[in-house]
Amino acid sequence: MSVRLRFALVCAGIAFVLGALVVAAVFLVVRQSLEYRNGLTTPTVINVPHGVGIWRGDYTYEVARDRVLQVRVIYQRDTLANVRTYGAIAVLAATGAAFGLGWRGAGWVLRPIQSVTQTARRVAQSHDLADRIEYQGPKDELKELADIFDTMLGRLARSFDGQRRFVANASHELRTPLTINRTLVDVAVRRPDATDDVKRLGESLLLVNARHERLIDGLLALTEGEQAVLDRQPFDLMDVAEHVLDQAAEEAAQREVTMHRLLDSAPTAGEAVLVERLVQNLVENAIRHNHPKGEVWVTTRQRAERVELVVANTGLQVPPYEIETIFEPFRRLHGDRLRSDRGSGLGLSIVRVITEAHDGVVTARPREEGGLTITVELPVDGSAT
């Protein structure tokens, strides 16, 4: 129940209670006024025209008195019935009028709150923290709330921008020494006089260096994916999936994983490079978190106002309680934190932020036979229909 409806119902309830009390008070006053009165209905003498008086005790006096009592009873009954009927109608009318006025008044009072809600919704959907309410009304509680909300958005924007700049700068700064390390180790390993121990040590160092480079690339992609996609260009998700699968064919063959393509046209809009990274992460995860002779199914399709990318793979059984955590950074299934060949633990986190930046939804569910089925839903491109 909305605040506006509750306010209107409160106004209607107050009007109903007050109206009922007023009608009850009028009813009691009228009934008291029409009660039997000894001096009025039983006088000593009844004066009639032509100066003739009827005294108490006469037969005619009793007839007249009984008639007066009859008239009083009928008049009292009809009057009280009218008070109840017209009073109830008036109370119901006042209640309806109070509900309508309360509804209109609540709409007028809550209009700035609706502006706050719309701004918060735009920020949540667009990830653009530069938007503000900028309420120009009188200095009251609502303006104070709007100003506090604007201040909070400003602080969040500065905080997120600082965090993104820090991650981006740190990643770029770390990339250079890692590149130098890779070059030096590679040169040392390829020297003619390098011993077998030096070569084994160099290969281990190159694996560690490669893992750190993937970690930095993942952090950069995560930072870029958290930004709103403002310049949306149309493209077909099927083409992106085909390109990624062609690139992953060699790795799948090395790991003895069979790839199945079920690709239909899926027009959408956004940043194609980011979506390619999304598909690449899902396909790489499906291949690397698999077993020899395993299988991977990649499907693209359009359903009503959404397009879907579904990546399913065989592999180890995934407990349902781990599904909620696999999209968190640096989380790996089955507690595998030592296998550098399976990535840095940022793959699905990047998938989630890129999906959300495109106003999409990503879900995962375990397969009964083992492995995962991950579904990404993106808005369909209306210009392609």
Protein backbone atom coordinates (compact mmCIF):
# COMPACT_ATOMS: atom_id res chain seq x y z
CA MET A 1 0.00 0.00 0.00
CA SER A 2 1.48 3.33 -1.07
CA VAL A 3 1.95 6.31 1.24
CA ARG A 4 -0.51 8.31 -0.85
CA LEU A 5 -3.23 5.69 -0.43
CA ARG A 6 -2.56 5.37 3.30
CA PHE A 7 -2.80 9.16 3.70
CA ALA A 8 -6.11 9.24 1.81
CA LEU A 9 -7.49 6.37 3.90
CA VAL A 10 -6.45 8.13 7.12
CA CYS A 11 -8.25 11.30 6.00
CA ALA A 12 -11.33 9.26 5.10
CA GLY A 13 -11.20 7.42 8.44
CA ILE A 14 -10.93 10.66 10.41
CA ALA A 15 -13.84 12.19 8.47
CA PHE A 16 -15.93 9.05 9.04
CA VAL A 17 -15.27 8.95 12.78
CA LEU A 18 -15.90 12.68 13.27
CA GLY A 19 -19.04 12.57 11.11
CA ALA A 20 -20.37 9.56 12.98
CA LEU A 21 -19.78 11.31 16.32
CA VAL A 22 -21.59 14.44 15.10
CA VAL A 23 -24.57 12.43 13.83
CA ALA A 24 -24.71 10.47 17.08
CA ALA A 25 -24.69 13.70 19.10
CA VAL A 26 -27.47 15.22 16.92
CA PHE A 27 -29.46 12.01 17.25
CA LEU A 28 -29.25 12.08 21.04
CA VAL A 29 -30.17 15.78 21.23
CA VAL A 30 -33.19 15.36 18.94
CA ARG A 31 -34.38 12.28 20.78
CA GLN A 32 -34.07 14.06 24.10
CA SER A 33 -35.97 17.03 22.72
CA LEU A 34 -38.85 14.79 21.59
CA GLU A 35 -39.17 12.79 24.80
CA TYR A 36 -42.43 12.76 26.81
CA ARG A 37 -42.94 15.87 28.97
CA ASN A 38 -45.51 15.81 31.72
CA GLY A 39 -46.42 19.51 31.67
CA LEU A 40 -46.79 19.61 27.89
CA THR A 41 -48.84 16.46 27.19
CA THR A 42 -50.89 16.50 30.45
CA PRO A 43 -52.03 20.12 31.09
CA THR A 44 -54.71 21.00 33.65
CA VAL A 45 -57.06 22.31 30.97
CA ILE A 46 -57.13 22.16 27.17
CA ASN A 47 -58.38 25.37 25.59
CA VAL A 48 -60.34 24.95 22.37
CA PRO A 49 -61.89 27.62 20.07
CA HIS A 50 -64.90 29.66 21.17
CA GLY A 51 -63.57 29.84 24.76
CA VAL A 52 -64.55 26.33 25.74
CA GLY A 53 -62.10 24.47 27.96
CA ILE A 54 -61.74 20.75 28.52
CA TRP A 55 -60.69 19.94 32.05
CA ARG A 56 -58.63 17.01 33.23
CA GLY A 57 -60.79 13.97 34.04
CA ASP A 58 -63.28 14.51 31.24
CA TYR A 59 -63.71 11.80 28.64
CA THR A 60 -62.93 14.21 25.84
CA TYR A 61 -59.74 15.27 27.64
CA GLU A 62 -58.43 11.68 27.70
CA VAL A 63 -59.20 11.20 24.00
CA ALA A 64 -57.32 14.36 23.10
CA ARG A 65 -54.44 13.44 25.36
CA ASP A 66 -54.09 9.95 23.81
CA ARG A 67 -54.10 11.52 20.36
CA VAL A 68 -51.34 13.92 21.33
CA LEU A 69 -49.24 11.06 22.69
CA GLN A 70 -49.78 9.13 19.44
CA VAL A 71 -48.69 12.09 17.36
CA ARG A 72 -45.60 12.56 19.54
CA VAL A 73 -44.55 8.92 19.15
CA ILE A 74 -44.98 8.98 15.35
CA TYR A 75 -43.24 12.33 15.02
CA GLN A 76 -40.35 11.17 17.22
CA ARG A 77 -39.92 7.93 15.28
CA ASP A 78 -39.97 9.62 11.86
CA THR A 79 -37.68 12.43 12.97
CA LEU A 80 -35.10 10.06 14.44
CA ALA A 81 -35.27 7.87 11.32
CA ASN A 82 -34.59 10.93 9.15
CA VAL A 83 -31.66 11.91 11.39
CA ARG A 84 -30.16 8.42 11.00
CA THR A 85 -30.74 8.20 7.23
CA TYR A 86 -29.63 11.66 6.20
CA GLY A 87 -26.85 11.61 8.79
CA ALA A 88 -25.47 8.34 7.36
CA ILE A 89 -25.65 9.77 3.82
CA ALA A 90 -23.86 12.92 4.96
CA VAL A 91 -21.17 10.89 6.76
CA LEU A 92 -20.55 8.69 3.71
CA ALA A 93 -20.40 11.74 1.43
CA ALA A 94 -17.97 13.48 3.77
CA THR A 95 -15.87 10.32 3.94
CA GLY A 96 -15.69 10.08 0.14
CA ALA A 97 -14.88 13.77 -0.16
CA ALA A 98 -12.16 13.44 2.50
CA PHE A 99 -10.67 10.46 0.65
CA GLY A 100 -10.58 12.42 -2.62
CA LEU A 101 -9.13 15.52 -1.02
CA GLY A 102 -6.62 13.42 0.91
CA TRP A 103 -5.58 11.68 -2.32
CA ARG A 104 -5.10 14.99 -4.12
CA GLY A 105 -3.37 16.59 -1.17
CA ALA A 106 -1.03 13.61 -0.71
CA GLY A 107 -0.14 13.76 -4.41
CA TRP A 108 0.76 17.42 -4.09
CA VAL A 109 2.75 16.88 -0.88
CA LEU A 110 4.57 13.79 -2.19
CA ARG A 111 5.45 15.25 -5.60
CA PRO A 112 9.03 16.08 -4.48
CA ILE A 113 9.36 12.54 -3.12
CA GLN A 114 8.41 11.22 -6.56
CA SER A 115 11.17 13.38 -8.02
CA VAL A 116 13.63 11.81 -5.57
CA THR A 117 12.40 8.33 -6.51
CA GLN A 118 12.70 8.99 -10.25
CA THR A 119 16.22 10.33 -9.84
CA ALA A 120 17.24 7.34 -7.72
CA ARG A 121 15.76 5.00 -10.34
CA ARG A 122 17.66 6.74 -13.15
CA VAL A 123 20.90 6.50 -11.18
CA ALA A 124 20.32 2.81 -10.42
CA GLN A 125 19.51 1.95 -14.04
CA SER A 126 22.14 4.08 -15.76
CA HIS A 127 24.95 3.90 -13.14
CA ASP A 128 25.35 7.63 -13.75
CA LEU A 129 26.07 9.26 -10.40
CA ALA A 130 26.24 12.71 -12.00
CA ASP A 131 22.44 13.07 -11.96
CA ARG A 132 20.92 15.27 -9.24
CA ILE A 133 17.44 16.17 -7.96
CA GLU A 134 18.09 19.91 -7.59
CA TYR A 135 14.78 20.50 -5.78
CA GLN A 136 13.82 24.20 -5.85
CA GLY A 137 10.86 24.15 -3.44
CA PRO A 138 10.50 25.90 -0.08
CA LYS A 139 12.95 25.19 2.71
CA ASP A 140 11.11 22.39 4.46
CA GLU A 141 11.70 18.76 5.35
CA LEU A 142 11.35 17.63 1.72
CA LYS A 143 13.97 20.08 0.48
CA GLU A 144 16.29 18.98 3.26
CA LEU A 145 15.80 15.35 2.19
CA ALA A 146 16.44 16.18 -1.49
CA ASP A 147 19.58 18.17 -0.63
CA ILE A 148 20.90 15.34 1.53
CA PHE A 149 20.25 12.89 -1.33
CA ASP A 150 22.17 15.15 -3.75
CA THR A 151 25.04 15.37 -1.28
CA MET A 152 25.10 11.59 -0.90
CA LEU A 153 25.19 11.13 -4.69
CA GLY A 154 28.08 13.56 -4.93
CA ARG A 155 30.09 11.71 -2.31
CA LEU A 156 29.34 8.34 -3.92
CA ALA A 157 30.38 9.67 -7.32
CA ARG A 158 33.69 10.94 -5.93
CA SER A 159 34.26 7.68 -4.08
CA PHE A 160 33.56 5.44 -7.09
CA ASP A 161 35.57 7.64 -9.43
CA GLY A 162 38.51 7.57 -7.03
CA GLN A 163 38.25 3.80 -6.73
CA ARG A 164 38.15 3.32 -10.50
CA ARG A 165 41.10 5.65 -11.02
CA PHE A 166 43.08 3.85 -8.34
CA VAL A 167 42.45 0.42 -9.84
CA ALA A 168 43.18 1.64 -13.36
CA ASN A 169 46.37 3.47 -12.35
CA ALA A 170 47.60 0.61 -10.18
CA SER A 171 46.93 -1.89 -12.96
CA HIS A 172 48.79 0.20 -15.51
CA GLU A 173 51.69 0.74 -13.13
CA LEU A 174 51.95 -3.00 -12.43
CA ARG A 175 51.73 -3.97 -16.08
CA THR A 176 55.15 -2.47 -16.95
CA PRO A 177 57.29 -4.38 -14.39
CA LEU A 178 55.45 -7.60 -15.20
CA THR A 179 56.23 -7.13 -18.88
CA ILE A 180 59.88 -6.49 -18.02
CA ASN A 181 59.96 -9.59 -15.77
CA ARG A 182 58.46 -11.73 -18.51
CA THR A 183 61.05 -10.51 -21.00
CA LEU A 184 63.99 -11.05 -18.65
CA VAL A 185 62.85 -14.54 -17.65
CA ASP A 186 62.19 -15.48 -21.26
CA VAL A 187 65.66 -14.29 -22.30
CA ALA A 188 67.27 -16.18 -19.42
CA VAL A 189 65.45 -19.40 -20.28
CA ARG A 190 66.42 -19.21 -23.96
CA ARG A 191 70.14 -18.72 -23.31
CA PRO A 192 72.23 -21.58 -24.70
CA ASP A 193 74.03 -22.10 -21.41
CA ALA A 194 70.81 -22.25 -19.33
CA THR A 195 70.64 -25.36 -17.16
CA ASP A 196 67.58 -27.55 -16.77
CA ASP A 197 66.98 -26.16 -13.30
CA VAL A 198 67.04 -22.60 -14.63
CA LYS A 199 64.63 -23.55 -17.40
CA ARG A 200 62.20 -25.20 -14.97
CA LEU A 201 62.43 -22.20 -12.65
CA GLY A 202 61.91 -19.84 -15.60
CA GLU A 203 58.82 -21.74 -16.76
CA SER A 204 57.36 -21.55 -13.25
CA LEU A 205 58.10 -17.84 -13.07
CA LEU A 206 56.48 -17.31 -16.49
CA LEU A 207 53.34 -19.12 -15.30
CA VAL A 208 53.18 -16.91 -12.18
CA ASN A 209 53.84 -13.82 -14.29
CA ALA A 210 51.10 -14.79 -16.75
CA ARG A 211 48.65 -15.26 -13.91
CA HIS A 212 49.46 -11.78 -12.57
CA GLU A 213 49.00 -10.30 -16.05
CA ARG A 214 45.58 -11.96 -16.33
CA LEU A 215 44.71 -10.58 -12.90
CA ILE A 216 45.61 -7.05 -14.00
CA ASP A 217 43.66 -7.44 -17.26
CA GLY A 218 40.70 -8.65 -15.22
CA LEU A 219 40.88 -5.67 -12.88
CA LEU A 220 40.96 -3.29 -15.83
CA ALA A 221 38.01 -5.04 -17.45
CA LEU A 222 36.12 -4.98 -14.15
CA THR A 223 36.72 -1.25 -13.81
CA GLU A 224 35.65 -0.58 -17.38
CA GLY A 225 32.58 -2.79 -17.08
CA GLU A 226 31.31 -0.93 -14.01
CA GLN A 227 30.93 2.24 -16.04
CA ALA A 228 27.64 3.00 -17.73
CA VAL A 229 27.37 2.19 -21.44
CA LEU A 230 26.10 5.46 -22.88
CA ASP A 231 26.98 5.08 -26.57
CA ARG A 232 25.03 1.96 -27.51
CA GLN A 233 25.59 0.56 -30.99
CA PRO A 234 23.49 -2.27 -32.46
CA PHE A 235 25.11 -5.65 -33.05
CA ASP A 236 24.12 -9.32 -33.21
CA LEU A 237 25.04 -11.44 -30.19
CA MET A 238 25.24 -14.45 -32.52
CA ASP A 239 28.17 -12.90 -34.42
CA VAL A 240 30.02 -12.17 -31.18
CA ALA A 241 29.50 -15.74 -29.95
CA GLU A 242 30.72 -17.21 -33.26
CA HIS A 243 33.87 -15.10 -33.13
CA VAL A 244 34.63 -16.10 -29.52
CA LEU A 245 34.01 -19.79 -30.23
CA ASP A 246 36.35 -19.70 -33.21
CA GLN A 247 39.07 -18.23 -31.01
CA ALA A 248 38.46 -20.79 -28.23
CA ALA A 249 38.45 -23.81 -30.55
CA GLU A 250 42.18 -24.46 -30.13
CA GLU A 251 42.08 -24.42 -26.34
CA ALA A 252 38.99 -26.65 -26.36
CA ALA A 253 40.80 -29.14 -28.60
CA GLN A 254 43.83 -29.15 -26.31
CA ARG A 255 41.63 -29.91 -23.30
CA GLU A 256 39.58 -32.47 -25.27
CA VAL A 257 36.36 -30.52 -24.79
CA THR A 258 33.65 -30.74 -27.45
CA MET A 259 31.93 -27.45 -28.36
CA HIS A 260 28.27 -27.36 -29.47
CA ARG A 261 26.91 -24.24 -31.22
CA LEU A 262 23.19 -23.51 -31.15
CA LEU A 263 23.30 -19.97 -32.47
CA ASP A 264 20.28 -18.00 -33.64
CA SER A 265 20.07 -14.30 -34.39
CA ALA A 266 19.97 -12.20 -31.20
CA PRO A 267 20.03 -8.46 -32.02
CA THR A 268 20.95 -6.20 -29.13
CA ALA A 269 22.72 -2.88 -28.55
CA GLY A 270 25.64 -1.75 -26.44
CA GLU A 271 29.42 -1.93 -26.44
CA ALA A 272 30.32 -4.94 -28.60
CA VAL A 273 33.88 -5.13 -27.27
CA LEU A 274 32.66 -5.44 -23.68
CA VAL A 275 30.05 -8.04 -24.62
CA GLU A 276 32.76 -9.98 -26.47
CA ARG A 277 34.76 -10.04 -23.23
CA LEU A 278 31.62 -11.28 -21.44
CA VAL A 279 31.14 -14.16 -23.88
CA GLN A 280 34.86 -14.94 -23.82
CA ASN A 281 34.89 -15.25 -20.03
CA LEU A 282 31.88 -17.56 -20.03
CA VAL A 283 33.31 -19.80 -22.75
CA GLU A 284 36.76 -19.93 -21.13
CA ASN A 285 35.21 -20.82 -17.77
CA ALA A 286 33.13 -23.55 -19.42
CA ILE A 287 36.24 -25.04 -21.03
CA ARG A 288 38.65 -24.74 -18.11
CA HIS A 289 36.20 -25.86 -15.40
CA ASN A 290 35.49 -29.05 -17.30
CA HIS A 291 36.94 -32.52 -17.52
CA PRO A 292 38.57 -34.35 -20.46
CA LYS A 293 36.04 -35.56 -23.02
CA GLY A 294 33.65 -32.96 -21.59
CA GLU A 295 31.16 -30.85 -23.51
CA VAL A 296 30.15 -27.19 -23.78
CA TRP A 297 26.88 -25.86 -25.24
CA VAL A 298 26.64 -22.23 -26.36
CA THR A 299 23.20 -20.91 -27.37
CA THR A 300 22.02 -17.49 -28.55
CA ARG A 301 18.35 -16.70 -29.18
CA GLN A 302 15.71 -14.02 -28.99
CA ARG A 303 12.70 -14.24 -26.67
CA ALA A 304 10.13 -11.45 -26.81
CA GLU A 305 11.85 -8.27 -25.60
CA ARG A 306 15.07 -10.01 -24.51
CA VAL A 307 17.97 -11.82 -26.13
CA GLU A 308 19.67 -14.69 -24.35
CA LEU A 309 23.15 -16.15 -24.24
CA VAL A 310 23.25 -19.57 -22.57
CA VAL A 311 26.55 -21.31 -21.83
CA ALA A 312 26.34 -24.78 -20.28
CA ASN A 313 29.17 -27.21 -19.55
CA THR A 314 29.88 -30.55 -17.99
CA GLY A 315 32.19 -30.80 -15.02
CA LEU A 316 32.20 -31.28 -11.28
CA GLN A 317 29.01 -31.11 -9.28
CA VAL A 318 28.33 -27.57 -8.05
CA PRO A 319 26.54 -27.24 -4.68
CA PRO A 320 23.52 -24.91 -4.88
CA TYR A 321 24.81 -22.85 -1.95
CA GLU A 322 27.87 -21.80 -3.98
CA ILE A 323 25.79 -20.31 -6.80
CA GLU A 324 25.23 -17.03 -4.93
CA THR A 325 28.97 -16.44 -4.47
CA ILE A 326 30.48 -17.36 -7.85
CA PHE A 327 29.88 -13.83 -9.21
CA GLU A 328 31.91 -12.24 -6.41
CA PRO A 329 35.50 -11.15 -7.19
CA PHE A 330 38.26 -13.68 -6.47
CA ARG A 331 35.79 -16.47 -5.69
CA ARG A 332 36.47 -19.87 -7.23
CA LEU A 333 34.41 -23.01 -7.12
CA HIS A 334 35.54 -25.87 -4.88
CA GLY A 335 38.01 -23.53 -3.11
CA ASP A 336 40.51 -23.81 -5.97
CA ARG A 337 42.87 -20.88 -5.36
CA LEU A 338 46.11 -22.50 -6.52
CA ARG A 339 45.38 -23.43 -10.12
CA SER A 340 46.60 -20.39 -12.03
CA ASP A 341 45.61 -21.95 -15.35
CA ARG A 342 41.95 -21.52 -14.39
CA GLY A 343 42.08 -17.76 -14.16
CA SER A 344 42.23 -15.08 -11.50
CA GLY A 345 38.73 -15.46 -10.06
CA LEU A 346 37.43 -12.32 -11.79
CA GLY A 347 35.83 -13.89 -14.85
CA LEU A 348 32.24 -14.13 -13.63
CA SER A 349 32.52 -10.83 -11.75
CA ILE A 350 33.37 -9.18 -15.07
CA VAL A 351 30.42 -10.97 -16.67
CA ARG A 352 28.07 -9.57 -14.04
CA VAL A 353 29.22 -5.94 -14.21
CA ILE A 354 29.17 -5.92 -18.03
CA THR A 355 25.69 -7.43 -18.02
CA GLU A 356 24.41 -4.87 -15.52
CA ALA A 357 26.03 -2.03 -17.50
CA HIS A 358 23.90 -3.17 -20.47
CA ASP A 359 20.70 -3.32 -18.34
CA GLY A 360 20.79 -7.11 -18.41
CA VAL A 361 20.51 -9.97 -15.95
CA VAL A 362 22.83 -12.94 -15.44
CA THR A 363 21.81 -16.11 -13.60
CA ALA A 364 23.48 -19.44 -12.92
CA ARG A 365 22.17 -22.84 -11.94
CA PRO A 366 23.92 -26.18 -11.40
CA ARG A 367 23.33 -29.04 -13.82
CA GLU A 368 22.23 -32.35 -12.37
CA GLU A 369 24.91 -34.15 -14.41
CA GLY A 370 27.61 -31.74 -13.17
CA GLY A 371 28.79 -28.35 -14.30
CA LEU A 372 26.89 -25.10 -14.70
CA THR A 373 24.34 -23.41 -16.92
CA ILE A 374 24.80 -19.64 -17.05
CA THR A 375 22.21 -17.45 -18.77
CA VAL A 376 22.72 -13.81 -19.75
CA GLU A 377 19.66 -11.78 -20.76
CA LEU A 378 20.08 -8.47 -22.57
CA PRO A 379 17.49 -6.04 -23.99
CA VAL A 380 16.62 -6.64 -27.62
CA ASP A 381 17.57 -3.97 -30.13
CA GLY A 382 14.29 -2.39 -31.21
CA SER A 383 15.76 -0.89 -34.38
CA ALA A 384 16.45 -4.36 -35.74
CA THR A 385 12.77 -5.39 -35.68
